[in-house]
N, C-alpha and C. Protein backbone atom coordinates (compact mmCIF):
# COMPACT_ATOMS: atom_id res chain seq x y z
N MET A 1 155.97 269.46 38.46
CA MET A 1 155.47 268.47 37.51
C MET A 1 156.32 268.53 36.25
N ILE A 2 156.58 267.37 35.68
CA ILE A 2 157.37 267.23 34.46
C ILE A 2 156.49 266.62 33.37
N LEU A 3 156.57 267.19 32.17
CA LEU A 3 155.86 266.65 31.01
C LEU A 3 156.85 265.91 30.13
N GLU A 4 156.59 264.65 29.91
CA GLU A 4 157.36 263.83 28.96
C GLU A 4 156.64 263.91 27.63
N LEU A 5 157.38 264.17 26.56
CA LEU A 5 156.81 264.27 25.22
C LEU A 5 157.57 263.34 24.29
N ALA A 6 156.84 262.53 23.54
CA ALA A 6 157.45 261.65 22.54
C ALA A 6 156.59 261.63 21.30
N ILE A 7 157.21 261.81 20.15
CA ILE A 7 156.52 261.66 18.87
C ILE A 7 156.80 260.24 18.41
N LEU A 8 155.74 259.49 18.20
CA LEU A 8 155.85 258.07 17.87
C LEU A 8 155.50 257.84 16.41
N HIS A 9 156.46 257.33 15.66
CA HIS A 9 156.23 256.95 14.26
C HIS A 9 156.07 255.44 14.24
N VAL A 10 154.84 255.00 14.04
CA VAL A 10 154.53 253.57 14.02
C VAL A 10 154.75 253.05 12.60
N LYS A 11 155.30 251.86 12.51
CA LYS A 11 155.54 251.26 11.19
C LYS A 11 154.25 251.20 10.39
N GLU A 12 154.36 251.45 9.12
CA GLU A 12 153.20 251.53 8.23
C GLU A 12 152.29 250.32 8.37
N GLY A 13 151.00 250.63 8.54
CA GLY A 13 149.98 249.60 8.61
C GLY A 13 149.82 248.92 9.95
N LEU A 14 150.59 249.33 10.96
CA LEU A 14 150.51 248.67 12.27
C LEU A 14 149.81 249.50 13.34
N SER A 15 149.16 250.57 12.93
CA SER A 15 148.51 251.46 13.91
C SER A 15 147.45 250.76 14.74
N GLU A 16 146.65 249.92 14.13
CA GLU A 16 145.59 249.24 14.87
C GLU A 16 146.18 248.31 15.94
N ALA A 17 147.19 247.55 15.58
CA ALA A 17 147.85 246.66 16.55
C ALA A 17 148.54 247.47 17.64
N PHE A 18 149.18 248.59 17.26
CA PHE A 18 149.82 249.47 18.24
C PHE A 18 148.79 249.98 19.25
N GLU A 19 147.66 250.47 18.76
CA GLU A 19 146.63 251.00 19.66
C GLU A 19 146.11 249.93 20.61
N THR A 20 145.95 248.71 20.11
CA THR A 20 145.51 247.60 20.96
C THR A 20 146.53 247.34 22.06
N ASN A 21 147.80 247.27 21.70
CA ASN A 21 148.85 247.04 22.69
C ASN A 21 149.00 248.22 23.64
N PHE A 22 148.80 249.43 23.13
CA PHE A 22 148.91 250.60 24.01
C PHE A 22 147.84 250.55 25.10
N LYS A 23 146.65 250.09 24.75
CA LYS A 23 145.60 249.97 25.78
C LYS A 23 146.03 249.04 26.91
N LYS A 24 146.77 247.98 26.57
CA LYS A 24 147.31 247.08 27.60
C LYS A 24 148.40 247.77 28.40
N ALA A 25 149.25 248.52 27.71
CA ALA A 25 150.40 249.18 28.33
C ALA A 25 149.99 250.32 29.25
N GLU A 26 148.81 250.90 29.02
CA GLU A 26 148.35 252.01 29.87
C GLU A 26 148.30 251.63 31.34
N SER A 27 147.89 250.40 31.63
CA SER A 27 147.80 249.98 33.03
C SER A 27 149.18 249.88 33.68
N ILE A 28 150.19 249.63 32.88
CA ILE A 28 151.56 249.56 33.41
C ILE A 28 152.03 250.94 33.83
N ILE A 29 151.98 251.89 32.90
CA ILE A 29 152.50 253.22 33.20
C ILE A 29 151.69 253.92 34.28
N SER A 30 150.39 253.73 34.26
CA SER A 30 149.54 254.43 35.23
C SER A 30 149.70 253.90 36.66
N SER A 31 150.34 252.75 36.80
CA SER A 31 150.55 252.18 38.14
C SER A 31 151.89 252.60 38.76
N MET A 32 152.70 253.35 38.00
CA MET A 32 154.04 253.68 38.46
C MET A 32 154.05 254.86 39.43
N LYS A 33 154.99 254.81 40.37
CA LYS A 33 155.17 255.91 41.32
C LYS A 33 155.49 257.19 40.56
N GLY A 34 154.84 258.26 40.93
CA GLY A 34 155.08 259.56 40.32
C GLY A 34 154.28 259.84 39.06
N TYR A 35 153.58 258.83 38.56
CA TYR A 35 152.72 259.02 37.38
C TYR A 35 151.55 259.91 37.75
N ILE A 36 151.23 260.87 36.89
CA ILE A 36 150.07 261.74 37.11
C ILE A 36 148.99 261.47 36.07
N SER A 37 149.36 261.54 34.78
CA SER A 37 148.37 261.34 33.71
C SER A 37 149.10 261.16 32.38
N HIS A 38 148.34 260.73 31.38
CA HIS A 38 148.92 260.63 30.03
C HIS A 38 147.84 260.82 28.98
N GLU A 39 148.30 261.16 27.78
CA GLU A 39 147.43 261.27 26.61
C GLU A 39 148.18 260.72 25.41
N LEU A 40 147.48 259.98 24.58
CA LEU A 40 148.01 259.52 23.30
C LEU A 40 147.12 260.13 22.23
N LYS A 41 147.72 260.90 21.34
CA LYS A 41 146.98 261.58 20.27
C LYS A 41 147.46 261.07 18.93
N LYS A 42 146.51 260.75 18.05
CA LYS A 42 146.83 260.30 16.69
C LYS A 42 146.86 261.51 15.76
N CYS A 43 147.90 261.60 14.95
CA CYS A 43 148.06 262.72 14.03
C CYS A 43 146.99 262.67 12.93
N ILE A 44 146.45 263.81 12.61
CA ILE A 44 145.44 263.90 11.56
C ILE A 44 146.11 263.92 10.18
N GLU A 45 147.21 264.67 10.07
CA GLU A 45 147.85 264.85 8.76
C GLU A 45 148.75 263.69 8.33
N THR A 46 149.35 263.00 9.30
CA THR A 46 150.33 261.97 8.95
C THR A 46 149.88 260.61 9.49
N LYS A 47 149.64 259.70 8.58
CA LYS A 47 149.21 258.35 8.94
C LYS A 47 150.28 257.67 9.81
N ASP A 48 149.84 256.90 10.79
CA ASP A 48 150.72 256.10 11.65
C ASP A 48 151.66 256.94 12.53
N LYS A 49 151.26 258.17 12.85
CA LYS A 49 152.05 259.04 13.71
C LYS A 49 151.22 259.43 14.93
N TYR A 50 151.88 259.41 16.11
CA TYR A 50 151.20 259.70 17.38
C TYR A 50 152.03 260.65 18.23
N LEU A 51 151.37 261.31 19.14
CA LEU A 51 152.01 262.14 20.14
C LEU A 51 151.66 261.55 21.50
N LEU A 52 152.68 261.24 22.29
CA LEU A 52 152.47 260.72 23.65
C LEU A 52 152.92 261.79 24.63
N LEU A 53 152.02 262.15 25.53
CA LEU A 53 152.29 263.11 26.59
C LEU A 53 152.05 262.41 27.92
N VAL A 54 153.06 262.45 28.79
CA VAL A 54 152.92 261.84 30.12
C VAL A 54 153.36 262.85 31.16
N ASN A 55 152.52 263.08 32.15
CA ASN A 55 152.86 263.95 33.27
C ASN A 55 153.37 263.11 34.43
N TRP A 56 154.55 263.51 34.93
CA TRP A 56 155.20 262.85 36.06
C TRP A 56 155.42 263.86 37.17
N GLU A 57 155.48 263.40 38.40
CA GLU A 57 155.79 264.31 39.51
C GLU A 57 157.21 264.84 39.38
N THR A 58 158.18 263.96 39.04
CA THR A 58 159.58 264.37 38.88
C THR A 58 160.17 263.66 37.67
N ILE A 59 161.27 264.19 37.16
CA ILE A 59 161.96 263.53 36.04
C ILE A 59 162.52 262.18 36.49
N GLU A 60 162.93 262.08 37.76
CA GLU A 60 163.45 260.82 38.28
C GLU A 60 162.38 259.73 38.29
N ASP A 61 161.12 260.11 38.51
CA ASP A 61 160.04 259.12 38.47
C ASP A 61 159.98 258.45 37.10
N HIS A 62 160.24 259.22 36.05
CA HIS A 62 160.25 258.65 34.70
C HIS A 62 161.56 257.95 34.39
N GLU A 63 162.66 258.69 34.52
CA GLU A 63 163.97 258.20 34.08
C GLU A 63 164.50 257.03 34.93
N ILE A 64 164.24 257.04 36.20
CA ILE A 64 164.76 256.00 37.09
C ILE A 64 163.64 255.04 37.50
N GLY A 65 162.60 255.60 38.13
CA GLY A 65 161.52 254.76 38.65
C GLY A 65 160.83 253.92 37.61
N PHE A 66 160.54 254.51 36.45
CA PHE A 66 159.85 253.76 35.39
C PHE A 66 160.84 253.03 34.49
N ARG A 67 161.78 253.75 33.92
CA ARG A 67 162.67 253.15 32.91
C ARG A 67 163.60 252.06 33.46
N GLN A 68 163.84 252.07 34.75
CA GLN A 68 164.71 251.04 35.33
C GLN A 68 163.92 249.97 36.08
N SER A 69 162.62 249.94 35.84
CA SER A 69 161.75 248.98 36.55
C SER A 69 161.51 247.72 35.73
N GLU A 70 161.07 246.68 36.41
CA GLU A 70 160.65 245.45 35.72
C GLU A 70 159.43 245.72 34.84
N GLU A 71 158.56 246.59 35.30
CA GLU A 71 157.36 246.93 34.53
C GLU A 71 157.70 247.54 33.18
N TYR A 72 158.81 248.29 33.13
CA TYR A 72 159.24 248.90 31.87
C TYR A 72 159.58 247.84 30.83
N GLN A 73 160.09 246.72 31.28
CA GLN A 73 160.42 245.64 30.33
C GLN A 73 159.15 245.12 29.65
N GLU A 74 158.07 245.06 30.39
CA GLU A 74 156.78 244.64 29.81
C GLU A 74 156.27 245.71 28.85
N TRP A 75 156.37 246.98 29.26
CA TRP A 75 156.00 248.12 28.40
C TRP A 75 156.78 248.05 27.09
N ARG A 76 158.07 247.84 27.21
CA ARG A 76 158.96 247.76 26.04
C ARG A 76 158.55 246.61 25.11
N ALA A 77 158.26 245.46 25.70
CA ALA A 77 157.88 244.29 24.89
C ALA A 77 156.56 244.53 24.15
N LEU A 78 155.66 245.27 24.76
CA LEU A 78 154.37 245.56 24.13
C LEU A 78 154.47 246.59 23.01
N LEU A 79 155.39 247.56 23.12
CA LEU A 79 155.33 248.73 22.24
C LEU A 79 156.54 249.00 21.37
N HIS A 80 157.73 248.73 21.83
CA HIS A 80 158.91 249.24 21.12
C HIS A 80 159.10 248.70 19.72
N HIS A 81 158.61 247.50 19.44
CA HIS A 81 158.78 246.93 18.10
C HIS A 81 157.93 247.63 17.03
N PHE A 82 157.02 248.50 17.45
CA PHE A 82 156.18 249.23 16.50
C PHE A 82 156.87 250.46 15.92
N TYR A 83 157.92 250.98 16.56
CA TYR A 83 158.47 252.28 16.20
C TYR A 83 159.57 252.21 15.14
N ASP A 84 159.48 253.15 14.19
CA ASP A 84 160.53 253.32 13.20
C ASP A 84 160.47 254.75 12.67
N PRO A 85 161.41 255.60 13.07
CA PRO A 85 162.54 255.33 13.95
C PRO A 85 162.11 255.31 15.42
N PHE A 86 163.03 254.91 16.28
CA PHE A 86 162.74 254.91 17.71
C PHE A 86 162.59 256.37 18.15
N PRO A 87 161.57 256.66 18.97
CA PRO A 87 161.28 258.06 19.32
C PRO A 87 162.32 258.69 20.24
N THR A 88 162.49 259.98 20.04
CA THR A 88 163.25 260.81 20.97
C THR A 88 162.27 261.27 22.04
N VAL A 89 162.67 261.14 23.29
CA VAL A 89 161.81 261.57 24.40
C VAL A 89 162.41 262.84 25.00
N GLU A 90 161.55 263.83 25.20
CA GLU A 90 161.98 265.09 25.81
C GLU A 90 161.14 265.37 27.03
N HIS A 91 161.69 266.17 27.94
CA HIS A 91 160.99 266.54 29.18
C HIS A 91 160.85 268.06 29.27
N TYR A 92 159.72 268.49 29.76
CA TYR A 92 159.43 269.93 29.89
C TYR A 92 158.90 270.22 31.28
N LYS A 93 159.18 271.44 31.76
CA LYS A 93 158.65 271.84 33.06
C LYS A 93 157.79 273.07 32.92
């Protein structure tokens, strides 16, 4: 199992809209091959900051299966415009 970790800095004042769109995006990621589970946590100390944790069966399920899919384009359209700066994604085993 691989853990994907991303710290998400949402543009100031857009957290509510981000959370609404993330609820839509959850159905996209959860339908992907190799997806196991995910959690989105809102930071207590820093406004508009989130931690995204996604468990995948393999790194290829995330890097190839998800990121190179048509579904990823929808995910991107729903979420990527909220981030500043764009998050660094790391993987852990």
